């Protein structure tokens, strides 16, 4: 099982997520959005996984955007394709944590009920 957590050290939900997996002795790979960001392929993979559950890529894209982010206004009124590029430029606009289980499953936020099904 290859669990990846995208987040920052200051995010309480990211810390809670790390602790949740640690308590179950599941190794995770933490990727700092502040230091490394997220690649095009990784963000596309997350959006595709979320689109399976929401029904559309537009809704999935809205899920990954943090509406409480300080710079939310940078993406609020952009086209869908422009939002994707803006998220790549400024990964701190992403809702945290983003948790990926391989390439077929992903969640945004603290979702232990979904992660339990992954185990």
PDB file of N, CA and C in Angstrom:
ATOM      1  N   UNK A   1       0.846  -1.170   0.000  1.00  0.00           N
ATOM      2  CA  UNK A   1       0.000   0.000   0.000  1.00  0.00           C
ATOM      3  C   UNK A   1       0.891   1.232   0.000  1.00  0.00           C
ATOM      4  N   UNK A   2       0.747   2.090  -0.994  1.00  0.00           N
ATOM      5  CA  UNK A   2       1.554   3.292  -1.101  1.00  0.00           C
ATOM      6  C   UNK A   2       0.730   4.526  -0.807  1.00  0.00           C
ATOM      7  N   UNK A   3       0.744   4.966   0.439  1.00  0.00           N
ATOM      8  CA  UNK A   3      -0.033   6.131   0.850  1.00  0.00           C
ATOM      9  C   UNK A   3       0.834   7.368   0.746  1.00  0.00           C
ATOM     10  N   UNK A   4       0.333   8.374   0.035  1.00  0.00           N
ATOM     11  CA  UNK A   4       1.003   9.657  -0.085  1.00  0.00           C
ATOM     12  C   UNK A   4       0.113  10.712   0.532  1.00  0.00           C
ATOM     13  N   UNK A   5       0.710  11.567   1.338  1.00  0.00           N
ATOM     14  CA  UNK A   5      -0.030  12.674   1.942  1.00  0.00           C
ATOM     15  C   UNK A   5       0.583  13.973   1.450  1.00  0.00           C
ATOM     16  N   UNK A   6      -0.233  14.790   0.809  1.00  0.00           N
ATOM     17  CA  UNK A   6       0.197  16.117   0.371  1.00  0.00           C
ATOM     18  C   UNK A   6      -0.363  17.118   1.361  1.00  0.00           C
ATOM     19  N   UNK A   7       0.512  17.894   1.985  1.00  0.00           N
ATOM     20  CA  UNK A   7       0.073  18.878   2.968  1.00  0.00           C
ATOM     21  C   UNK A   7       1.248  19.689   3.461  1.00  0.00           C
ATOM     22  N   UNK A   8       1.020  20.404   4.545  1.00  0.00           N
ATOM     23  CA  UNK A   8       2.089  21.195   5.155  1.00  0.00           C
ATOM     24  C   UNK A   8       2.179  20.860   6.640  1.00  0.00           C
ATOM     25  N   UNK A   9       3.302  21.193   7.224  1.00  0.00           N
ATOM     26  CA  UNK A   9       3.502  20.931   8.657  1.00  0.00           C
ATOM     27  C   UNK A   9       2.603  21.791   9.534  1.00  0.00           C
ATOM     28  N   UNK A  10       2.114  22.906   9.018  1.00  0.00           N
ATOM     29  CA  UNK A  10       1.265  23.793   9.814  1.00  0.00           C
ATOM     30  C   UNK A  10      -0.204  23.401   9.776  1.00  0.00           C
ATOM     31  N   UNK A  11      -0.580  22.525   8.870  1.00  0.00           N
ATOM     32  CA  UNK A  11      -1.981  22.125   8.733  1.00  0.00           C
ATOM     33  C   UNK A  11      -2.348  21.100   9.808  1.00  0.00           C
ATOM     34  N   UNK A  12      -3.353  21.433  10.622  1.00  0.00           N
ATOM     35  CA  UNK A  12      -3.779  20.520  11.681  1.00  0.00           C
ATOM     36  C   UNK A  12      -4.355  19.234  11.101  1.00  0.00           C
ATOM     37  N   UNK A  13      -5.099  19.340   9.997  1.00  0.00           N
ATOM     38  CA  UNK A  13      -5.667  18.140   9.384  1.00  0.00           C
ATOM     39  C   UNK A  13      -4.580  17.237   8.821  1.00  0.00           C
ATOM     40  N   UNK A  14      -3.515  17.813   8.313  1.00  0.00           N
ATOM     41  CA  UNK A  14      -2.397  17.003   7.817  1.00  0.00           C
ATOM     42  C   UNK A  14      -1.743  16.260   8.978  1.00  0.00           C
ATOM     43  N   UNK A  15      -1.554  16.948  10.101  1.00  0.00           N
ATOM     44  CA  UNK A  15      -0.970  16.307  11.287  1.00  0.00           C
ATOM     45  C   UNK A  15      -1.869  15.183  11.793  1.00  0.00           C
ATOM     46  N   UNK A  16      -3.191  15.440  11.828  1.00  0.00           N
ATOM     47  CA  UNK A  16      -4.140  14.417  12.270  1.00  0.00           C
ATOM     48  C   UNK A  16      -4.095  13.206  11.341  1.00  0.00           C
ATOM     49  N   UNK A  17      -3.974  13.461  10.048  1.00  0.00           N
ATOM     50  CA  UNK A  17      -3.926  12.384   9.061  1.00  0.00           C
ATOM     51  C   UNK A  17      -2.673  11.542   9.252  1.00  0.00           C
ATOM     52  N   UNK A  18      -1.538  12.203   9.426  1.00  0.00           N
ATOM     53  CA  UNK A  18      -0.285  11.471   9.673  1.00  0.00           C
ATOM     54  C   UNK A  18      -0.415  10.602  10.920  1.00  0.00           C
ATOM     55  N   UNK A  19      -0.990  11.167  11.974  1.00  0.00           N
ATOM     56  CA  UNK A  19      -1.164  10.434  13.230  1.00  0.00           C
ATOM     57  C   UNK A  19      -2.108   9.243  13.034  1.00  0.00           C
ATOM     58  N   UNK A  20      -3.196   9.423  12.265  1.00  0.00           N
ATOM     59  CA  UNK A  20      -4.162   8.357  12.025  1.00  0.00           C
ATOM     60  C   UNK A  20      -3.483   7.157  11.366  1.00  0.00           C
ATOM     61  N   UNK A  21      -2.680   7.395  10.343  1.00  0.00           N
ATOM     62  CA  UNK A  21      -1.985   6.297   9.669  1.00  0.00           C
ATOM     63  C   UNK A  21      -0.883   5.719  10.553  1.00  0.00           C
ATOM     64  N   UNK A  22      -0.207   6.576  11.309  1.00  0.00           N
ATOM     65  CA  UNK A  22       0.856   6.120  12.199  1.00  0.00           C
ATOM     66  C   UNK A  22       0.308   5.193  13.282  1.00  0.00           C
ATOM     67  N   UNK A  23      -0.853   5.528  13.835  1.00  0.00           N
ATOM     68  CA  UNK A  23      -1.468   4.691  14.868  1.00  0.00           C
ATOM     69  C   UNK A  23      -1.812   3.300  14.339  1.00  0.00           C
ATOM     70  N   UNK A  24      -2.017   3.183  13.045  1.00  0.00           N
ATOM     71  CA  UNK A  24      -2.325   1.892  12.419  1.00  0.00           C
ATOM     72  C   UNK A  24      -1.094   1.241  11.798  1.00  0.00           C
ATOM     73  N   UNK A  25       0.061   1.821  12.117  1.00  0.00           N
ATOM     74  CA  UNK A  25       1.363   1.325  11.648  1.00  0.00           C
ATOM     75  C   UNK A  25       1.427   1.212  10.124  1.00  0.00           C
ATOM     76  N   UNK A  26       0.891   2.220   9.473  1.00  0.00           N
ATOM     77  CA  UNK A  26       0.934   2.281   8.013  1.00  0.00           C
ATOM     78  C   UNK A  26       1.918   3.379   7.636  1.00  0.00           C
ATOM     79  N   UNK A  27       2.894   3.002   6.851  1.00  0.00           N
ATOM     80  CA  UNK A  27       3.910   3.950   6.429  1.00  0.00           C
ATOM     81  C   UNK A  27       3.344   4.876   5.365  1.00  0.00           C
ATOM     82  N   UNK A  28       3.642   6.149   5.490  1.00  0.00           N
ATOM     83  CA  UNK A  28       3.183   7.132   4.526  1.00  0.00           C
ATOM     84  C   UNK A  28       4.371   7.924   3.991  1.00  0.00           C
ATOM     85  N   UNK A  29       4.154   8.516   2.841  1.00  0.00           N
ATOM     86  CA  UNK A  29       5.151   9.402   2.269  1.00  0.00           C
ATOM     87  C   UNK A  29       4.543  10.799   2.268  1.00  0.00           C
ATOM     88  N   UNK A  30       5.104  11.700   3.070  1.00  0.00           N
ATOM     89  CA  UNK A  30       4.595  13.059   3.176  1.00  0.00           C
ATOM     90  C   UNK A  30       5.273  13.940   2.144  1.00  0.00           C
ATOM     91  N   UNK A  31       4.469  14.643   1.362  1.00  0.00           N
ATOM     92  CA  UNK A  31       4.979  15.584   0.369  1.00  0.00           C
ATOM     93  C   UNK A  31       4.552  16.978   0.808  1.00  0.00           C
ATOM     94  N   UNK A  32       5.527  17.832   1.046  1.00  0.00           N
ATOM     95  CA  UNK A  32       5.239  19.186   1.498  1.00  0.00           C
ATOM     96  C   UNK A  32       4.796  20.050   0.321  1.00  0.00           C
ATOM     97  N   UNK A  33       3.571  20.540   0.394  1.00  0.00           N
ATOM     98  CA  UNK A  33       3.072  21.415  -0.671  1.00  0.00           C
ATOM     99  C   UNK A  33       3.834  22.726  -0.697  1.00  0.00           C
ATOM    100  N   UNK A  34       4.290  23.151   0.462  1.00  0.00           N
ATOM    101  CA  UNK A  34       5.015  24.417   0.543  1.00  0.00           C
ATOM    102  C   UNK A  34       6.398  24.307  -0.105  1.00  0.00           C
ATOM    103  N   UNK A  35       7.089  23.194   0.131  1.00  0.00           N
ATOM    104  CA  UNK A  35       8.444  23.031  -0.384  1.00  0.00           C
ATOM    105  C   UNK A  35       8.488  22.441  -1.791  1.00  0.00           C
ATOM    106  N   UNK A  36       7.720  21.391  -2.036  1.00  0.00           N
ATOM    107  CA  UNK A  36       7.793  20.665  -3.305  1.00  0.00           C
ATOM    108  C   UNK A  36       6.634  20.944  -4.238  1.00  0.00           C
ATOM    109  N   UNK A  37       5.480  21.283  -3.697  1.00  0.00           N
ATOM    110  CA  UNK A  37       4.297  21.479  -4.526  1.00  0.00           C
ATOM    111  C   UNK A  37       3.736  20.143  -4.986  1.00  0.00           C
ATOM    112  N   UNK A  38       3.017  20.177  -6.088  1.00  0.00           N
ATOM    113  CA  UNK A  38       2.406  18.975  -6.636  1.00  0.00           C
ATOM    114  C   UNK A  38       2.611  19.014  -8.147  1.00  0.00           C
ATOM    115  N   UNK A  39       2.906  17.857  -8.724  1.00  0.00           N
ATOM    116  CA  UNK A  39       3.166  17.813 -10.169  1.00  0.00           C
ATOM    117  C   UNK A  39       1.857  17.770 -10.945  1.00  0.00           C
ATOM    118  N   UNK A  40       1.953  18.020 -12.230  1.00  0.00           N
ATOM    119  CA  UNK A  40       0.783  17.983 -13.109  1.00  0.00           C
ATOM    120  C   UNK A  40       0.140  16.602 -13.062  1.00  0.00           C
ATOM    121  N   UNK A  41       0.944  15.559 -13.185  1.00  0.00           N
ATOM    122  CA  UNK A  41       0.424  14.186 -13.205  1.00  0.00           C
ATOM    123  C   UNK A  41      -0.239  13.825 -11.877  1.00  0.00           C
ATOM    124  N   UNK A  42       0.347  14.253 -10.765  1.00  0.00           N
ATOM    125  CA  UNK A  42      -0.229  13.953  -9.453  1.00  0.00           C
ATOM    126  C   UNK A  42      -1.577  14.645  -9.263  1.00  0.00           C
ATOM    127  N   UNK A  43      -1.648  15.921  -9.636  1.00  0.00           N
ATOM    128  CA  UNK A  43      -2.898  16.654  -9.491  1.00  0.00           C
ATOM    129  C   UNK A  43      -3.968  16.085 -10.421  1.00  0.00           C
ATOM    130  N   UNK A  44      -3.595  15.733 -11.642  1.00  0.00           N
ATOM    131  CA  UNK A  44      -4.549  15.112 -12.568  1.00  0.00           C
ATOM    132  C   UNK A  44      -5.066  13.787 -12.008  1.00  0.00           C
ATOM    133  N   UNK A  45      -4.158  13.001 -11.433  1.00  0.00           N
ATOM    134  CA  UNK A  45      -4.536  11.720 -10.851  1.00  0.00           C
ATOM    135  C   UNK A  45      -5.531  11.905  -9.711  1.00  0.00           C
ATOM    136  N   UNK A  46      -5.279  12.865  -8.845  1.00  0.00           N
ATOM    137  CA  UNK A  46      -6.179  13.140  -7.719  1.00  0.00           C
ATOM    138  C   UNK A  46      -7.544  13.580  -8.236  1.00  0.00           C
ATOM    139  N   UNK A  47      -7.559  14.483  -9.197  1.00  0.00           N
ATOM    140  CA  UNK A  47      -8.828  14.979  -9.738  1.00  0.00           C
ATOM    141  C   UNK A  47      -9.594  13.857 -10.429  1.00  0.00           C
ATOM    142  N   UNK A  48      -8.896  12.993 -11.160  1.00  0.00           N
ATOM    143  CA  UNK A  48      -9.564  11.860 -11.816  1.00  0.00           C
ATOM    144  C   UNK A  48     -10.177  10.900 -10.800  1.00  0.00           C
ATOM    145  N   UNK A  49      -9.456  10.629  -9.718  1.00  0.00           N
ATOM    146  CA  UNK A  49      -9.991   9.760  -8.655  1.00  0.00           C
ATOM    147  C   UNK A  49     -11.226  10.378  -8.017  1.00  0.00           C
ATOM    148  N   UNK A  50     -11.161  11.662  -7.730  1.00  0.00           N
ATOM    149  CA  UNK A  50     -12.293  12.341  -7.107  1.00  0.00           C
ATOM    150  C   UNK A  50     -13.468  12.461  -8.073  1.00  0.00           C
ATOM    151  N   UNK A  51     -13.179  12.581  -9.368  1.00  0.00           N
ATOM    152  CA  UNK A  51     -14.236  12.702 -10.376  1.00  0.00           C
ATOM    153  C   UNK A  51     -15.062  11.425 -10.466  1.00  0.00           C
ATOM    154  N   UNK A  52     -14.440  10.274 -10.176  1.00  0.00           N
ATOM    155  CA  UNK A  52     -15.183   9.012 -10.159  1.00  0.00           C
ATOM    156  C   UNK A  52     -16.286   9.052  -9.109  1.00  0.00           C
ATOM    157  N   UNK A  53     -16.023   9.728  -8.005  1.00  0.00           N
ATOM    158  CA  UNK A  53     -16.990   9.791  -6.913  1.00  0.00           C
ATOM    159  C   UNK A  53     -17.981  10.939  -7.064  1.00  0.00           C
ATOM    160  N   UNK A  54     -17.509  12.076  -7.577  1.00  0.00           N
ATOM    161  CA  UNK A  54     -18.391  13.239  -7.694  1.00  0.00           C
ATOM    162  C   UNK A  54     -19.192  13.228  -8.984  1.00  0.00           C
ATOM    163  N   UNK A  55     -18.659  12.578 -10.004  1.00  0.00           N
ATOM    164  CA  UNK A  55     -19.366  12.521 -11.278  1.00  0.00           C
ATOM    165  C   UNK A  55     -18.815  13.432 -12.348  1.00  0.00           C
ATOM    166  N   UNK A  56     -18.025  14.434 -11.960  1.00  0.00           N
ATOM    167  CA  UNK A  56     -17.447  15.312 -12.979  1.00  0.00           C
ATOM    168  C   UNK A  56     -16.112  15.879 -12.503  1.00  0.00           C
ATOM    169  N   UNK A  57     -15.292  16.209 -13.468  1.00  0.00           N
ATOM    170  CA  UNK A  57     -13.984  16.781 -13.137  1.00  0.00           C
ATOM    171  C   UNK A  57     -14.123  18.189 -12.567  1.00  0.00           C
ATOM    172  N   UNK A  58     -15.147  18.921 -13.012  1.00  0.00           N
ATOM    173  CA  UNK A  58     -15.360  20.275 -12.503  1.00  0.00           C
ATOM    174  C   UNK A  58     -15.662  20.252 -11.005  1.00  0.00           C
ATOM    175  N   UNK A  59     -16.523  19.326 -10.592  1.00  0.00           N
ATOM    176  CA  UNK A  59     -16.838  19.197  -9.163  1.00  0.00           C
ATOM    177  C   UNK A  59     -15.621  18.735  -8.374  1.00  0.00           C
ATOM    178  N   UNK A  60     -14.846  17.828  -8.952  1.00  0.00           N
ATOM    179  CA  UNK A  60     -13.638  17.343  -8.293  1.00  0.00           C
ATOM    180  C   UNK A  60     -12.634  18.479  -8.127  1.00  0.00           C
ATOM    181  N   UNK A  61     -12.526  19.315  -9.151  1.00  0.00           N
ATOM    182  CA  UNK A  61     -11.607  20.459  -9.078  1.00  0.00           C
ATOM    183  C   UNK A  61     -12.049  21.412  -7.969  1.00  0.00           C
ATOM    184  N   UNK A  62     -13.358  21.622  -7.825  1.00  0.00           N
ATOM    185  CA  UNK A  62     -13.863  22.481  -6.761  1.00  0.00           C
ATOM    186  C   UNK A  62     -13.560  21.903  -5.379  1.00  0.00           C
ATOM    187  N   UNK A  63     -13.558  20.569  -5.271  1.00  0.00           N
ATOM    188  CA  UNK A  63     -13.252  19.916  -3.993  1.00  0.00           C
ATOM    189  C   UNK A  63     -11.823  20.169  -3.532  1.00  0.00           C
ATOM    190  N   UNK A  64     -10.891  20.224  -4.465  1.00  0.00           N
ATOM    191  CA  UNK A  64      -9.479  20.359  -4.075  1.00  0.00           C
ATOM    192  C   UNK A  64      -9.079  21.799  -3.782  1.00  0.00           C
ATOM    193  N   UNK A  65      -9.940  22.756  -4.111  1.00  0.00           N
ATOM    194  CA  UNK A  65      -9.618  24.164  -3.852  1.00  0.00           C
ATOM    195  C   UNK A  65     -10.038  24.534  -2.433  1.00  0.00           C
ATOM    196  N   UNK A  66      -9.106  25.127  -1.702  1.00  0.00           N
ATOM    197  CA  UNK A  66      -9.382  25.567  -0.329  1.00  0.00           C
ATOM    198  C   UNK A  66     -10.031  26.945  -0.366  1.00  0.00           C
ATOM    199  N   UNK A  67     -11.317  26.982  -0.124  1.00  0.00           N
ATOM    200  CA  UNK A  67     -12.065  28.236  -0.185  1.00  0.00           C
ATOM    201  C   UNK A  67     -11.725  29.170   0.978  1.00  0.00           C
ATOM    202  N   UNK A  68     -11.041  28.650   1.993  1.00  0.00           N
ATOM    203  CA  UNK A  68     -10.629  29.473   3.132  1.00  0.00           C
ATOM    204  C   UNK A  68      -9.195  29.977   2.997  1.00  0.00           C
ATOM    205  N   UNK A  69      -8.550  29.641   1.888  1.00  0.00           N
ATOM    206  CA  UNK A  69      -7.162  30.062   1.689  1.00  0.00           C
ATOM    207  C   UNK A  69      -7.081  31.578   1.558  1.00  0.00           C
ATOM    208  N   UNK A  70      -5.995  32.103   2.021  1.00  0.00           N
ATOM    209  CA  UNK A  70      -5.779  33.549   2.007  1.00  0.00           C
ATOM    210  C   UNK A  70      -5.858  34.106   0.576  1.00  0.00           C
ATOM    211  N   UNK A  71      -5.348  33.358  -0.396  1.00  0.00           N
ATOM    212  CA  UNK A  71      -5.319  33.819  -1.789  1.00  0.00           C
ATOM    213  C   UNK A  71      -6.414  33.191  -2.648  1.00  0.00           C
ATOM    214  N   UNK A  72      -7.518  32.785  -2.036  1.00  0.00           N
ATOM    215  CA  UNK A  72      -8.610  32.127  -2.772  1.00  0.00           C
ATOM    216  C   UNK A  72      -9.103  32.976  -3.949  1.00  0.00           C
ATOM    217  N   UNK A  73      -9.054  34.285  -3.792  1.00  0.00           N
ATOM    218  CA  UNK A  73      -9.546  35.171  -4.848  1.00  0.00           C
ATOM    219  C   UNK A  73      -8.770  34.993  -6.157  1.00  0.00           C
ATOM    220  N   UNK A  74      -7.565  34.416  -6.076  1.00  0.00           N
ATOM    221  CA  UNK A  74      -6.774  34.178  -7.296  1.00  0.00           C
ATOM    222  C   UNK A  74      -7.421  33.144  -8.215  1.00  0.00           C
ATOM    223  N   UNK A  75      -8.214  32.235  -7.657  1.00  0.00           N
ATOM    224  CA  UNK A  75      -8.838  31.189  -8.465  1.00  0.00           C
ATOM    225  C   UNK A  75     -10.362  31.272  -8.499  1.00  0.00           C
ATOM    226  N   UNK A  76     -10.944  32.091  -7.662  1.00  0.00           N
ATOM    227  CA  UNK A  76     -12.397  32.105  -7.501  1.00  0.00           C
ATOM    228  C   UNK A  76     -13.148  32.342  -8.800  1.00  0.00           C
ATOM    229  N   UNK A  77     -12.664  33.193  -9.645  1.00  0.00           N
ATOM    230  CA  UNK A  77     -13.420  33.575 -10.840  1.00  0.00           C
ATOM    231  C   UNK A  77     -12.757  33.146 -12.148  1.00  0.00           C
ATOM    232  N   UNK A  78     -11.854  32.190 -12.062  1.00  0.00           N
ATOM    233  CA  UNK A  78     -11.168  31.713 -13.264  1.00  0.00           C
ATOM    234  C   UNK A  78     -11.949  30.601 -13.950  1.00  0.00           C
ATOM    235  N   UNK A  79     -11.647  30.385 -15.221  1.00  0.00           N
ATOM    236  CA  UNK A  79     -12.161  29.228 -15.963  1.00  0.00           C
ATOM    237  C   UNK A  79     -11.602  27.950 -15.348  1.00  0.00           C
ATOM    238  N   UNK A  80     -12.261  26.826 -15.598  1.00  0.00           N
ATOM    239  CA  UNK A  80     -11.807  25.549 -15.029  1.00  0.00           C
ATOM    240  C   UNK A  80     -10.369  25.227 -15.429  1.00  0.00           C
ATOM    241  N   UNK A  81     -10.017  25.419 -16.702  1.00  0.00           N
ATOM    242  CA  UNK A  81      -8.655  25.097 -17.150  1.00  0.00           C
ATOM    243  C   UNK A  81      -7.634  26.036 -16.520  1.00  0.00           C
ATOM    244  N   UNK A  82      -8.026  27.283 -16.314  1.00  0.00           N
ATOM    245  CA  UNK A  82      -7.117  28.239 -15.686  1.00  0.00           C
ATOM    246  C   UNK A  82      -6.940  27.940 -14.196  1.00  0.00           C
ATOM    247  N   UNK A  83      -8.017  27.427 -13.558  1.00  0.00           N
ATOM    248  CA  UNK A  83      -7.920  27.069 -12.138  1.00  0.00           C
ATOM    249  C   UNK A  83      -6.873  25.987 -11.932  1.00  0.00           C
ATOM    250  N   UNK A  84      -6.880  24.981 -12.812  1.00  0.00           N
ATOM    251  CA  UNK A  84      -5.914  23.886 -12.706  1.00  0.00           C
ATOM    252  C   UNK A  84      -4.491  24.432 -12.749  1.00  0.00           C
ATOM    253  N   UNK A  85      -4.211  25.298 -13.711  1.00  0.00           N
ATOM    254  CA  UNK A  85      -2.862  25.872 -13.844  1.00  0.00           C
ATOM    255  C   UNK A  85      -2.503  26.750 -12.650  1.00  0.00           C
ATOM    256  N   UNK A  86      -3.479  27.490 -12.138  1.00  0.00           N
ATOM    257  CA  UNK A  86      -3.221  28.352 -10.973  1.00  0.00           C
ATOM    258  C   UNK A  86      -2.903  27.511  -9.735  1.00  0.00           C
ATOM    259  N   UNK A  87      -3.572  26.346  -9.603  1.00  0.00           N
ATOM    260  CA  UNK A  87      -3.274  25.452  -8.474  1.00  0.00           C
ATOM    261  C   UNK A  87      -1.859  24.895  -8.568  1.00  0.00           C
ATOM    262  N   UNK A  88      -1.413  24.643  -9.782  1.00  0.00           N
ATOM    263  CA  UNK A  88      -0.036  24.164  -9.959  1.00  0.00           C
ATOM    264  C   UNK A  88       0.966  25.254  -9.600  1.00  0.00           C
ATOM    265  N   UNK A  89       0.655  26.498  -9.950  1.00  0.00           N
ATOM    266  CA  UNK A  89       1.526  27.632  -9.639  1.00  0.00           C
ATOM    267  C   UNK A  89       1.556  27.918  -8.144  1.00  0.00           C
ATOM    268  N   UNK A  90       0.382  27.776  -7.499  1.00  0.00           N
ATOM    269  CA  UNK A  90       0.263  28.113  -6.089  1.00  0.00           C
ATOM    270  C   UNK A  90      -0.401  26.954  -5.333  1.00  0.00           C
ATOM    271  N   UNK A  91       0.374  25.920  -4.991  1.00  0.00           N
ATOM    272  CA  UNK A  91      -0.207  24.740  -4.336  1.00  0.00           C
ATOM    273  C   UNK A  91      -0.789  25.010  -2.951  1.00  0.00           C
ATOM    274  N   UNK A  92      -0.528  26.171  -2.380  1.00  0.00           N
ATOM    275  CA  UNK A  92      -1.104  26.486  -1.077  1.00  0.00           C
ATOM    276  C   UNK A  92      -2.601  26.790  -1.186  1.00  0.00           C
ATOM    277  N   UNK A  93      -3.121  26.837  -2.406  1.00  0.00           N
ATOM    278  CA  UNK A  93      -4.559  27.003  -2.621  1.00  0.00           C
ATOM    279  C   UNK A  93      -5.299  25.670  -2.553  1.00  0.00           C
ATOM    280  N   UNK A  94      -4.551  24.576  -2.460  1.00  0.00           N
ATOM    281  CA  UNK A  94      -5.157  23.244  -2.374  1.00  0.00           C
ATOM    282  C   UNK A  94      -5.639  22.974  -0.958  1.00  0.00           C
ATOM    283  N   UNK A  95      -6.776  22.312  -0.860  1.00  0.00           N
ATOM    284  CA  UNK A  95      -7.297  21.886   0.446  1.00  0.00           C
ATOM    285  C   UNK A  95      -6.409  20.767   0.978  1.00  0.00           C
ATOM    286  N   UNK A  96      -6.139  20.796   2.261  1.00  0.00           N
ATOM    287  CA  UNK A  96      -5.203  19.834   2.837  1.00  0.00           C
ATOM    288  C   UNK A  96      -5.886  18.956   3.864  1.00  0.00           C
ATOM    289  N   UNK A  97      -5.429  17.758   4.023  1.00  0.00           N
ATOM    290  CA  UNK A  97      -4.438  17.056   3.217  1.00  0.00           C
ATOM    291  C   UNK A  97      -5.097  16.379   2.013  1.00  0.00           C
ATOM    292  N   UNK A  98      -4.289  16.152   1.015  1.00  0.00           N
ATOM    293  CA  UNK A  98      -4.697  15.305  -0.106  1.00  0.00           C
ATOM    294  C   UNK A  98      -4.013  13.973   0.147  1.00  0.00           C
ATOM    295  N   UNK A  99      -4.795  12.908   0.222  1.00  0.00           N
ATOM    296  CA  UNK A  99      -4.253  11.577   0.519  1.00  0.00           C
ATOM    297  C   UNK A  99      -4.502  10.691  -0.691  1.00  0.00           C
ATOM    298  N   UNK A 100      -3.428  10.097  -1.193  1.00  0.00           N
ATOM    299  CA  UNK A 100      -3.533   9.201  -2.346  1.00  0.00           C
ATOM    300  C   UNK A 100      -3.143   7.798  -1.957  1.00  0.00           C
ATOM    301  N   UNK A 101      -3.925   6.833  -2.416  1.00  0.00           N
ATOM    302  CA  UNK A 101      -3.616   5.423  -2.236  1.00  0.00           C
ATOM    303  C   UNK A 101      -3.373   4.868  -3.634  1.00  0.00           C
ATOM    304  N   UNK A 102      -2.115   4.855  -4.044  1.00  0.00           N
ATOM    305  CA  UNK A 102      -1.798   4.452  -5.405  1.00  0.00           C
ATOM    306  C   UNK A 102      -2.351   5.468  -6.381  1.00  0.00           C
ATOM    307  N   UNK A 103      -2.732   5.004  -7.564  1.00  0.00           N
ATOM    308  CA  UNK A 103      -3.264   5.919  -8.580  1.00  0.00           C
ATOM    309  C   UNK A 103      -4.772   5.818  -8.718  1.00  0.00           C
ATOM    310  N   UNK A 104      -5.402   4.954  -7.913  1.00  0.00           N
ATOM    311  CA  UNK A 104      -6.827   4.708  -8.098  1.00  0.00           C
ATOM    312  C   UNK A 104      -7.722   5.263  -7.009  1.00  0.00           C
ATOM    313  N   UNK A 105      -7.159   5.787  -5.944  1.00  0.00           N
ATOM    314  CA  UNK A 105      -7.984   6.303  -4.856  1.00  0.00           C
ATOM    315  C   UNK A 105      -7.342   7.549  -4.254  1.00  0.00           C
ATOM    316  N   UNK A 106      -8.176   8.537  -3.947  1.00  0.00           N
ATOM    317  CA  UNK A 106      -7.690   9.770  -3.344  1.00  0.00           C
ATOM    318  C   UNK A 106      -8.805  10.420  -2.531  1.00  0.00           C
ATOM    319  N   UNK A 107      -8.398  11.137  -1.505  1.00  0.00           N
ATOM    320  CA  UNK A 107      -9.346  11.902  -0.696  1.00  0.00           C
ATOM    321  C   UNK A 107      -8.779  13.288  -0.458  1.00  0.00           C
ATOM    322  N   UNK A 108      -9.668  14.202  -0.102  1.00  0.00           N
ATOM    323  CA  UNK A 108      -9.264  15.556   0.261  1.00  0.00           C
ATOM    324  C   UNK A 108      -9.849  15.836   1.627  1.00  0.00           C
ATOM    325  N   UNK A 109      -9.001  16.290   2.537  1.00  0.00           N
ATOM    326  CA  UNK A 109      -9.449  16.540   3.900  1.00  0.00           C
ATOM    327  C   UNK A 109      -9.238  15.307   4.772  1.00  0.00           C
ATOM    328  N   UNK A 110      -9.730  15.388   5.996  1.00  0.00           N
ATOM    329  CA  UNK A 110      -9.581  14.298   6.956  1.00  0.00           C
ATOM    330  C   UNK A 110     -10.753  13.342   6.782  1.00  0.00           C
ATOM    331  N   UNK A 111     -10.506  12.152   6.234  1.00  0.00           N
ATOM    332  CA  UNK A 111     -11.569  11.183   5.880  1.00  0.00           C
ATOM    333  C   UNK A 111     -11.257   9.780   6.380  1.00  0.00           C
ATOM    334  N   UNK A 112     -11.206   9.550   7.695  1.00  0.00           N
ATOM    335  CA  UNK A 112     -10.842   8.230   8.210  1.00  0.00           C
ATOM    336  C   UNK A 112     -11.792   7.115   7.791  1.00  0.00           C
ATOM    337  N   UNK A 113     -13.069   7.427   7.571  1.00  0.00           N
ATOM    338  CA  UNK A 113     -14.019   6.387   7.178  1.00  0.00           C
ATOM    339  C   UNK A 113     -13.675   5.815   5.797  1.00  0.00           C
ATOM    340  N   UNK A 114     -13.160   6.628   4.917  1.00  0.00           N
ATOM    341  CA  UNK A 114     -12.743   6.145   3.591  1.00  0.00           C
ATOM    342  C   UNK A 114     -11.428   5.387   3.704  1.00  0.00           C
ATOM    343  N   UNK A 115     -10.500   5.906   4.494  1.00  0.00           N
ATOM    344  CA  UNK A 115      -9.191   5.258   4.641  1.00  0.00           C
ATOM    345  C   UNK A 115      -9.338   3.876   5.265  1.00  0.00           C
ATOM    346  N   UNK A 116     -10.293   3.718   6.163  1.00  0.00           N
ATOM    347  CA  UNK A 116     -10.538   2.409   6.779  1.00  0.00           C
ATOM    348  C   UNK A 116     -10.882   1.381   5.708  1.00  0.00           C
ATOM    349  N   UNK A 117     -11.635   1.784   4.704  1.00  0.00           N
ATOM    350  CA  UNK A 117     -11.973   0.878   3.595  1.00  0.00           C
ATOM    351  C   UNK A 117     -10.757   0.511   2.755  1.00  0.00           C
ATOM    352  N   UNK A 118      -9.731   1.374   2.759  1.00  0.00           N
ATOM    353  CA  UNK A 118      -8.505   1.097   2.002  1.00  0.00           C
ATOM    354  C   UNK A 118      -7.695  -0.030   2.649  1.00  0.00           C
ATOM    355  N   UNK A 119      -7.834  -0.198   3.962  1.00  0.00           N
ATOM    356  CA  UNK A 119      -6.994  -1.144   4.698  1.00  0.00           C
ATOM    357  C   UNK A 119      -7.377  -2.571   4.430  1.00  0.00           C
TER     358      UNK A 119
END
